[in-house]
Amino acid sequence: MEEELGCGMGQVEQMIRYTYWASGCTGIVVGLSGGVDSAVAAAFCCRAIGPGRVLGLSLPSSVSNPQDIHDAAALCTMRGMEHRTISIEPVLQAFRSMPGFADSPYVMGNLMARVRMAVLYYHANRENRLVCGTSNRSEYMLGYCTKFGDNAADFQPILHLYKTDVYVMAQEMGIPASIIQKAPSAGLWAGQSDEGEIGLSYEEIDASLKRLEAGGWKASGPTEAKVLELVKKSGHKRSMVPNLLTTQKGPE
C-alpha cells in the first residue's frame, strides 16, 4: 500500500522527526476538526515522536457539529495524546462588533480558518511546540484552503497525498470508522460539505488531477476543464508572496 501512495509511512515519520529535532521544540500541536485529514496527520505525529508530545486542539464555533468534537476526543484517547477543546466563538464575536463588519459565509469561513490558526500558534509559542498542518494534495492543488489559515503550518505530513489516498492511509492506520465515513467538511457553516462547495466529488477531482498532470496540464472533457481552471486560479496560494527580494542574493 505504501508503495502505491508513492511515499511510505516511514518517510513521513522521518520528515516529522527531523523537523521536530531541528527546531528544538518539545512538542507538536495539531488542530483536530474531527475529519480524516487531521486524524491522519495527528496519527503520523504520534507515530513519529510519541503521543505524549502531541496535543490535539478542537476549535469549534457556534456552527460546529458536536459529533466532530466527540470524534476528535475519541481519536486522542485511542492514540494516547492530549486533547483540549477551545471555542473560537468569543473571538468571532469580537470581530462582529467591529464597525462595518460584513457577515457572509465567505468572510466568516476565512476568518474562522485564520482565527483557528492563530490559536494553534498561540499554544505552539506558549508551550514550545510546532504546528502540524493538515492539508492534502487535492485541496492544495485546487486552492481549497485559506491563506495564513488552514494552509499555514510548520510542516505538512500529508501534503503529498490526494484526498482519496488519505482515506486509504486512514484505513491502514486504524482511524475510527466514524471519522472515515463522514462527509468531508470544513465546518464553516451548518450543512457545509467540501464536495458540495467545490461541485465535484473527490474521486472526480483526484482522477482529473492525475490525468492533467500526466497529460501536460491539458484538459480533456468538462470535469478536467473545471479542475484545471481551479488549479490556475489558485496558483497564488502555492507561490511566494510577490516581492522585490526574490532575485537579490545575500552574502556569498
Foldseek 3Di string as FASTA:
>chain_A
DCVVLVHHLVVLLVVLLVLFVVLPFQAEEEEQQLALLSLLLQLSRCVNPHQARYEYEYEAEPFRDVVSVVLSVVSCVVSVHHYDYHYCHVVVVVQVPDPPDDDDLVVQLLVVQQSVLVVNVVVCVVRRHWYEARDACLCLLLVVHHANGNVDTSYYSHNSGQPVRSLVSCVVSVRDPVRSVDADAPSSHHPGGPCVVLVHDSVLSVVLVVVCVVVVNDDDDDSNVSSSVSSVVNVVSVDDDDDDCPPPDDDD
